[in-house]
Amino acid sequence: MAKIKLTKNELKKQKDSLKMYRRYLPTLMLKKQQLQGEIRITELRIKELRTAKDHLDETFKSWVGVFGEKGIFTKDLLKITSLRTGMGNIAGVAIPIFEGADFAIAEYDLARTPVWLDVAIESMKQVILLDLEAQIVEEQRRRLDKELRTTTQRVNLFEKIKIPETRGHIKKIQVYLGDQQTSAVVRGKIAKSGLEKAAK
């Protein structure tokens, strides 16, 4: 227990601190619950995105062999030109929000390329979009996890350390001030008794 002054001013200060801790603790606990709920939502979204990507990957497997046709599918055929994100706020935490991506498709000769190339390009876009959104949602979860750890530490600090410690300080000061008051009354009675005896 920290060294405290055993005065009425310190007693008021400790009571004010206790009142503040009790006022903020429910807010912190509510924030903690909200963050836990949002983390569950991001985990579900990540699972949905992975499932959708796995489904697309399975679709690709049935015709992946044609990608090997010479000169048709090159690394320059499809490129991401920009990633569009915004910013959101959950329980005071700034999080990125996925808004989409823009692609550049290299020009190709429609007469000399297979019909399936257009479908393949669209499928590739979908896979890339799913990957990009999953990365953004992972970042959301990382930020929410970090804030949850901080909030949990604060809840524990208030609940397990600050509130009990402050209650202890208040009790100690009250006992001391009560003893001082009793002692003053006893001294007053002794002095009064002594004066009465001296007057006789």
C-alpha atoms as a PDB file:
ATOM      1  CA  MET A   1       0.000   0.000   0.000  1.00  0.00           C
ATOM      2  CA  ALA A   2       1.383   3.418  -0.968  1.00  0.00           C
ATOM      3  CA  LYS A   3       2.256   6.035   1.667  1.00  0.00           C
ATOM      4  CA  ILE A   4      -0.719   8.330   2.226  1.00  0.00           C
ATOM      5  CA  LYS A   5      -1.355  11.381   4.378  1.00  0.00           C
ATOM      6  CA  LEU A   6      -3.755  10.762   7.245  1.00  0.00           C
ATOM      7  CA  THR A   7      -5.701  14.012   6.825  1.00  0.00           C
ATOM      8  CA  LYS A   8      -9.245  15.099   5.980  1.00  0.00           C
ATOM      9  CA  ASN A   9      -8.031  16.528   2.656  1.00  0.00           C
ATOM     10  CA  GLU A  10      -6.469  13.188   1.745  1.00  0.00           C
ATOM     11  CA  LEU A  11      -9.693  11.423   2.776  1.00  0.00           C
ATOM     12  CA  LYS A  12     -11.671  13.659   0.395  1.00  0.00           C
ATOM     13  CA  LYS A  13      -9.118  13.056  -2.372  1.00  0.00           C
ATOM     14  CA  GLN A  14      -9.337   9.268  -1.888  1.00  0.00           C
ATOM     15  CA  LYS A  15     -13.165   9.353  -1.860  1.00  0.00           C
ATOM     16  CA  ASP A  16     -13.138  11.378  -5.095  1.00  0.00           C
ATOM     17  CA  SER A  17     -10.749   8.870  -6.663  1.00  0.00           C
ATOM     18  CA  LEU A  18     -12.949   5.959  -5.617  1.00  0.00           C
ATOM     19  CA  LYS A  19     -15.989   7.694  -7.092  1.00  0.00           C
ATOM     20  CA  MET A  20     -14.113   8.236 -10.379  1.00  0.00           C
ATOM     21  CA  TYR A  21     -12.957   4.596 -10.566  1.00  0.00           C
ATOM     22  CA  ARG A  22     -16.495   3.381  -9.914  1.00  0.00           C
ATOM     23  CA  ARG A  23     -17.865   5.727 -12.572  1.00  0.00           C
ATOM     24  CA  TYR A  24     -15.370   4.662 -15.275  1.00  0.00           C
ATOM     25  CA  LEU A  25     -15.307   0.919 -14.552  1.00  0.00           C
ATOM     26  CA  PRO A  26     -18.759   0.166 -16.077  1.00  0.00           C
ATOM     27  CA  THR A  27     -17.815   2.141 -19.208  1.00  0.00           C
ATOM     28  CA  LEU A  28     -14.594   0.152 -19.562  1.00  0.00           C
ATOM     29  CA  MET A  29     -16.446  -3.125 -19.021  1.00  0.00           C
ATOM     30  CA  LEU A  30     -18.987  -2.163 -21.679  1.00  0.00           C
ATOM     31  CA  LYS A  31     -16.176  -1.273 -24.082  1.00  0.00           C
ATOM     32  CA  LYS A  32     -14.538  -4.621 -23.371  1.00  0.00           C
ATOM     33  CA  GLN A  33     -17.786  -6.470 -24.203  1.00  0.00           C
ATOM     34  CA  GLN A  34     -18.269  -4.423 -27.376  1.00  0.00           C
ATOM     35  CA  LEU A  35     -14.711  -5.167 -28.523  1.00  0.00           C
ATOM     36  CA  GLN A  36     -15.174  -8.891 -27.851  1.00  0.00           C
ATOM     37  CA  GLY A  37     -18.363  -8.852 -29.940  1.00  0.00           C
ATOM     38  CA  GLU A  38     -16.668  -7.001 -32.804  1.00  0.00           C
ATOM     39  CA  ILE A  39     -13.714  -9.413 -32.749  1.00  0.00           C
ATOM     40  CA  ARG A  40     -16.167 -12.322 -33.106  1.00  0.00           C
ATOM     41  CA  ILE A  41     -17.776 -10.543 -36.084  1.00  0.00           C
ATOM     42  CA  THR A  42     -14.376 -10.052 -37.785  1.00  0.00           C
ATOM     43  CA  GLU A  43     -13.479 -13.705 -37.180  1.00  0.00           C
ATOM     44  CA  LEU A  44     -16.744 -14.807 -38.807  1.00  0.00           C
ATOM     45  CA  ARG A  45     -16.100 -12.493 -41.771  1.00  0.00           C
ATOM     46  CA  ILE A  46     -12.584 -13.871 -42.202  1.00  0.00           C
ATOM     47  CA  LYS A  47     -14.021 -17.397 -42.171  1.00  0.00           C
ATOM     48  CA  GLU A  48     -16.626 -16.417 -44.807  1.00  0.00           C
ATOM     49  CA  LEU A  49     -13.949 -14.893 -47.031  1.00  0.00           C
ATOM     50  CA  ARG A  50     -11.722 -17.969 -46.748  1.00  0.00           C
ATOM     51  CA  THR A  51     -14.647 -20.262 -47.543  1.00  0.00           C
ATOM     52  CA  ALA A  52     -15.542 -18.180 -50.618  1.00  0.00           C
ATOM     53  CA  LYS A  53     -11.902 -18.205 -51.758  1.00  0.00           C
ATOM     54  CA  ASP A  54     -11.636 -21.969 -51.233  1.00  0.00           C
ATOM     55  CA  HIS A  55     -14.768 -22.406 -53.337  1.00  0.00           C
ATOM     56  CA  LEU A  56     -13.262 -20.305 -56.152  1.00  0.00           C
ATOM     57  CA  ASP A  57      -9.986 -22.233 -55.886  1.00  0.00           C
ATOM     58  CA  GLU A  58     -11.930 -25.499 -56.334  1.00  0.00           C
ATOM     59  CA  THR A  59     -13.597 -24.038 -59.428  1.00  0.00           C
ATOM     60  CA  PHE A  60     -10.184 -23.121 -60.832  1.00  0.00           C
ATOM     61  CA  LYS A  61      -8.848 -26.634 -60.357  1.00  0.00           C
ATOM     62  CA  SER A  62     -11.219 -27.992 -62.981  1.00  0.00           C
ATOM     63  CA  TRP A  63      -9.712 -25.844 -65.738  1.00  0.00           C
ATOM     64  CA  VAL A  64      -6.318 -24.775 -64.368  1.00  0.00           C
ATOM     65  CA  GLY A  65      -4.550 -26.788 -67.074  1.00  0.00           C
ATOM     66  CA  VAL A  66      -5.568 -24.352 -69.775  1.00  0.00           C
ATOM     67  CA  PHE A  67      -3.692 -21.566 -67.997  1.00  0.00           C
ATOM     68  CA  GLY A  68      -0.526 -23.204 -69.207  1.00  0.00           C
ATOM     69  CA  GLU A  69      -1.316 -22.531 -72.843  1.00  0.00           C
ATOM     70  CA  LYS A  70       1.631 -20.638 -74.215  1.00  0.00           C
ATOM     71  CA  GLY A  71       1.509 -16.877 -73.989  1.00  0.00           C
ATOM     72  CA  ILE A  72      -2.124 -16.578 -72.961  1.00  0.00           C
ATOM     73  CA  PHE A  73      -2.014 -15.939 -69.252  1.00  0.00           C
ATOM     74  CA  THR A  74       0.952 -13.768 -68.262  1.00  0.00           C
ATOM     75  CA  LYS A  75       1.720 -11.964 -65.034  1.00  0.00           C
ATOM     76  CA  ASP A  76       1.067  -8.630 -66.778  1.00  0.00           C
ATOM     77  CA  LEU A  77      -2.429  -9.596 -67.918  1.00  0.00           C
ATOM     78  CA  LEU A  78      -4.099  -8.483 -64.653  1.00  0.00           C
ATOM     79  CA  LYS A  79      -2.691  -5.905 -62.251  1.00  0.00           C
ATOM     80  CA  ILE A  80      -4.066  -4.072 -59.228  1.00  0.00           C
ATOM     81  CA  THR A  81      -3.910  -0.343 -59.908  1.00  0.00           C
ATOM     82  CA  SER A  82      -5.365   0.837 -56.595  1.00  0.00           C
ATOM     83  CA  LEU A  83      -6.745  -0.452 -53.328  1.00  0.00           C
ATOM     84  CA  ARG A  84      -9.696   1.543 -52.007  1.00  0.00           C
ATOM     85  CA  THR A  85     -10.073   1.698 -48.234  1.00  0.00           C
ATOM     86  CA  GLY A  86     -11.847   3.993 -45.823  1.00  0.00           C
ATOM     87  CA  MET A  87     -11.626   4.471 -42.090  1.00  0.00           C
ATOM     88  CA  GLY A  88     -14.190   3.440 -39.521  1.00  0.00           C
ATOM     89  CA  ASN A  89     -14.471   3.592 -35.768  1.00  0.00           C
ATOM     90  CA  ILE A  90     -15.481   0.809 -33.420  1.00  0.00           C
ATOM     91  CA  ALA A  91     -15.484   1.555 -29.685  1.00  0.00           C
ATOM     92  CA  GLY A  92     -12.952   4.334 -30.215  1.00  0.00           C
ATOM     93  CA  VAL A  93     -10.643   2.208 -32.372  1.00  0.00           C
ATOM     94  CA  ALA A  94      -9.786   3.505 -35.855  1.00  0.00           C
ATOM     95  CA  ILE A  95     -10.073   0.605 -38.300  1.00  0.00           C
ATOM     96  CA  PRO A  96      -9.571   0.326 -42.059  1.00  0.00           C
ATOM     97  CA  ILE A  97     -12.620  -0.601 -44.122  1.00  0.00           C
ATOM     98  CA  PHE A  98     -12.319  -2.391 -47.468  1.00  0.00           C
ATOM     99  CA  GLU A  99     -14.086  -0.527 -50.252  1.00  0.00           C
ATOM    100  CA  GLY A 100     -12.740  -2.333 -53.303  1.00  0.00           C
ATOM    101  CA  ALA A 101      -9.860  -2.360 -55.749  1.00  0.00           C
ATOM    102  CA  ASP A 102      -9.262  -1.224 -59.297  1.00  0.00           C
ATOM    103  CA  PHE A 103      -7.606  -3.413 -61.894  1.00  0.00           C
ATOM    104  CA  ALA A 104      -5.799  -2.866 -65.162  1.00  0.00           C
ATOM    105  CA  ILE A 105      -6.222  -5.555 -67.779  1.00  0.00           C
ATOM    106  CA  ALA A 106      -3.590  -5.715 -70.485  1.00  0.00           C
ATOM    107  CA  GLU A 107      -4.976  -5.573 -73.994  1.00  0.00           C
ATOM    108  CA  TYR A 108      -5.149  -8.891 -75.766  1.00  0.00           C
ATOM    109  CA  ASP A 109      -6.281 -10.018 -79.190  1.00  0.00           C
ATOM    110  CA  LEU A 110      -9.835 -11.327 -78.892  1.00  0.00           C
ATOM    111  CA  ALA A 111      -9.476 -13.295 -82.120  1.00  0.00           C
ATOM    112  CA  ARG A 112      -6.283 -15.084 -81.011  1.00  0.00           C
ATOM    113  CA  THR A 113      -7.190 -15.871 -77.386  1.00  0.00           C
ATOM    114  CA  PRO A 114      -9.564 -18.528 -76.086  1.00  0.00           C
ATOM    115  CA  VAL A 115     -13.128 -17.640 -75.075  1.00  0.00           C
ATOM    116  CA  TRP A 116     -12.524 -18.713 -71.480  1.00  0.00           C
ATOM    117  CA  LEU A 117      -9.936 -15.955 -70.900  1.00  0.00           C
ATOM    118  CA  ASP A 118     -12.589 -13.359 -70.011  1.00  0.00           C
ATOM    119  CA  VAL A 119     -14.106 -15.720 -67.452  1.00  0.00           C
ATOM    120  CA  ALA A 120     -10.649 -16.515 -66.063  1.00  0.00           C
ATOM    121  CA  ILE A 121      -9.836 -12.814 -65.655  1.00  0.00           C
ATOM    122  CA  GLU A 122     -13.111 -12.185 -63.787  1.00  0.00           C
ATOM    123  CA  SER A 123     -12.454 -15.191 -61.548  1.00  0.00           C
ATOM    124  CA  MET A 124      -8.937 -13.952 -60.824  1.00  0.00           C
ATOM    125  CA  LYS A 125     -10.356 -10.542 -59.891  1.00  0.00           C
ATOM    126  CA  GLN A 126     -12.746 -12.197 -57.453  1.00  0.00           C
ATOM    127  CA  VAL A 127      -9.942 -14.195 -55.831  1.00  0.00           C
ATOM    128  CA  ILE A 128      -7.766 -11.096 -55.489  1.00  0.00           C
ATOM    129  CA  LEU A 129     -10.669  -9.068 -54.035  1.00  0.00           C
ATOM    130  CA  LEU A 130     -11.347 -11.804 -51.482  1.00  0.00           C
ATOM    131  CA  ASP A 131      -7.643 -11.851 -50.510  1.00  0.00           C
ATOM    132  CA  LEU A 132      -7.482  -8.069 -50.204  1.00  0.00           C
ATOM    133  CA  GLU A 133     -10.642  -7.877 -48.104  1.00  0.00           C
ATOM    134  CA  ALA A 134      -9.362 -10.697 -45.866  1.00  0.00           C
ATOM    135  CA  GLN A 135      -6.133  -8.741 -45.294  1.00  0.00           C
ATOM    136  CA  ILE A 136      -8.104  -5.616 -44.311  1.00  0.00           C
ATOM    137  CA  VAL A 137     -10.388  -7.579 -41.978  1.00  0.00           C
ATOM    138  CA  GLU A 138      -7.296  -9.230 -40.416  1.00  0.00           C
ATOM    139  CA  GLU A 139      -5.920  -5.735 -39.763  1.00  0.00           C
ATOM    140  CA  GLN A 140      -9.248  -4.761 -38.170  1.00  0.00           C
ATOM    141  CA  ARG A 141      -9.005  -7.776 -35.896  1.00  0.00           C
ATOM    142  CA  ARG A 142      -5.382  -6.983 -34.968  1.00  0.00           C
ATOM    143  CA  ARG A 143      -6.326  -3.441 -33.966  1.00  0.00           C
ATOM    144  CA  LEU A 144      -9.385  -4.612 -32.032  1.00  0.00           C
ATOM    145  CA  ASP A 145      -7.300  -7.303 -30.276  1.00  0.00           C
ATOM    146  CA  LYS A 146      -4.730  -4.685 -29.242  1.00  0.00           C
ATOM    147  CA  GLU A 147      -7.434  -2.368 -27.882  1.00  0.00           C
ATOM    148  CA  LEU A 148      -9.100  -5.289 -26.080  1.00  0.00           C
ATOM    149  CA  ARG A 149      -5.819  -6.132 -24.312  1.00  0.00           C
ATOM    150  CA  THR A 150      -5.418  -2.493 -23.217  1.00  0.00           C
ATOM    151  CA  THR A 151      -9.046  -2.241 -22.068  1.00  0.00           C
ATOM    152  CA  THR A 152      -8.826  -5.552 -20.180  1.00  0.00           C
ATOM    153  CA  GLN A 153      -5.680  -4.314 -18.417  1.00  0.00           C
ATOM    154  CA  ARG A 154      -7.505  -1.132 -17.389  1.00  0.00           C
ATOM    155  CA  VAL A 155     -10.544  -3.073 -16.152  1.00  0.00           C
ATOM    156  CA  ASN A 156      -8.260  -5.332 -14.101  1.00  0.00           C
ATOM    157  CA  LEU A 157      -6.304  -2.326 -12.808  1.00  0.00           C
ATOM    158  CA  PHE A 158      -9.471  -0.588 -11.605  1.00  0.00           C
ATOM    159  CA  GLU A 159     -11.257  -3.715 -10.381  1.00  0.00           C
ATOM    160  CA  LYS A 160      -8.393  -5.569  -8.703  1.00  0.00           C
ATOM    161  CA  ILE A 161      -5.951  -2.849  -7.683  1.00  0.00           C
ATOM    162  CA  LYS A 162      -7.182   0.751  -7.661  1.00  0.00           C
ATOM    163  CA  ILE A 163     -10.653   0.273  -6.115  1.00  0.00           C
ATOM    164  CA  PRO A 164      -9.531  -2.111  -3.315  1.00  0.00           C
ATOM    165  CA  GLU A 165      -6.414   0.011  -2.670  1.00  0.00           C
ATOM    166  CA  THR A 166      -8.440   3.229  -2.446  1.00  0.00           C
ATOM    167  CA  ARG A 167     -11.007   1.587  -0.141  1.00  0.00           C
ATOM    168  CA  GLY A 168      -8.104   0.522   2.080  1.00  0.00           C
ATOM    169  CA  HIS A 169      -6.728   4.076   2.126  1.00  0.00           C
ATOM    170  CA  ILE A 170     -10.155   5.475   3.045  1.00  0.00           C
ATOM    171  CA  LYS A 171     -10.581   2.955   5.857  1.00  0.00           C
ATOM    172  CA  LYS A 172      -7.092   3.644   7.205  1.00  0.00           C
ATOM    173  CA  ILE A 173      -7.655   7.425   7.178  1.00  0.00           C
ATOM    174  CA  GLN A 174     -11.114   7.094   8.758  1.00  0.00           C
ATOM    175  CA  VAL A 175      -9.736   4.859  11.545  1.00  0.00           C
ATOM    176  CA  TYR A 176      -6.871   7.279  12.168  1.00  0.00           C
ATOM    177  CA  LEU A 177      -9.146  10.353  12.197  1.00  0.00           C
ATOM    178  CA  GLY A 178     -11.643   8.498  14.429  1.00  0.00           C
ATOM    179  CA  ASP A 179      -8.837   7.601  16.853  1.00  0.00           C
ATOM    180  CA  GLN A 180      -7.651  11.232  16.833  1.00  0.00           C
ATOM    181  CA  GLN A 181     -11.166  12.459  17.576  1.00  0.00           C
ATOM    182  CA  THR A 182     -11.625   9.930  20.408  1.00  0.00           C
ATOM    183  CA  SER A 183      -8.226  10.854  21.804  1.00  0.00           C
ATOM    184  CA  ALA A 184      -9.125  14.551  21.701  1.00  0.00           C
ATOM    185  CA  VAL A 185     -12.406  13.871  23.553  1.00  0.00           C
ATOM    186  CA  VAL A 186     -10.602  11.802  26.221  1.00  0.00           C
ATOM    187  CA  ARG A 187      -7.924  14.504  26.643  1.00  0.00           C
ATOM    188  CA  GLY A 188     -10.678  17.105  26.942  1.00  0.00           C
ATOM    189  CA  LYS A 189     -12.459  15.089  29.650  1.00  0.00           C
ATOM    190  CA  ILE A 190      -9.204  14.522  31.546  1.00  0.00           C
ATOM    191  CA  ALA A 191      -8.362  18.223  31.348  1.00  0.00           C
ATOM    192  CA  LYS A 192     -11.905  19.156  32.477  1.00  0.00           C
ATOM    193  CA  SER A 193     -11.698  16.647  35.366  1.00  0.00           C
ATOM    194  CA  GLY A 194      -8.291  18.038  36.362  1.00  0.00           C
ATOM    195  CA  LEU A 195      -9.661  21.605  36.332  1.00  0.00           C
ATOM    196  CA  GLU A 196     -12.649  20.575  38.463  1.00  0.00           C
ATOM    197  CA  LYS A 197     -10.354  18.891  41.028  1.00  0.00           C
ATOM    198  CA  ALA A 198      -8.082  21.925  41.063  1.00  0.00           C
ATOM    199  CA  ALA A 199     -11.070  24.207  41.647  1.00  0.00           C
ATOM    200  CA  LYS A 200     -12.170  22.277  44.795  1.00  0.00           C
END
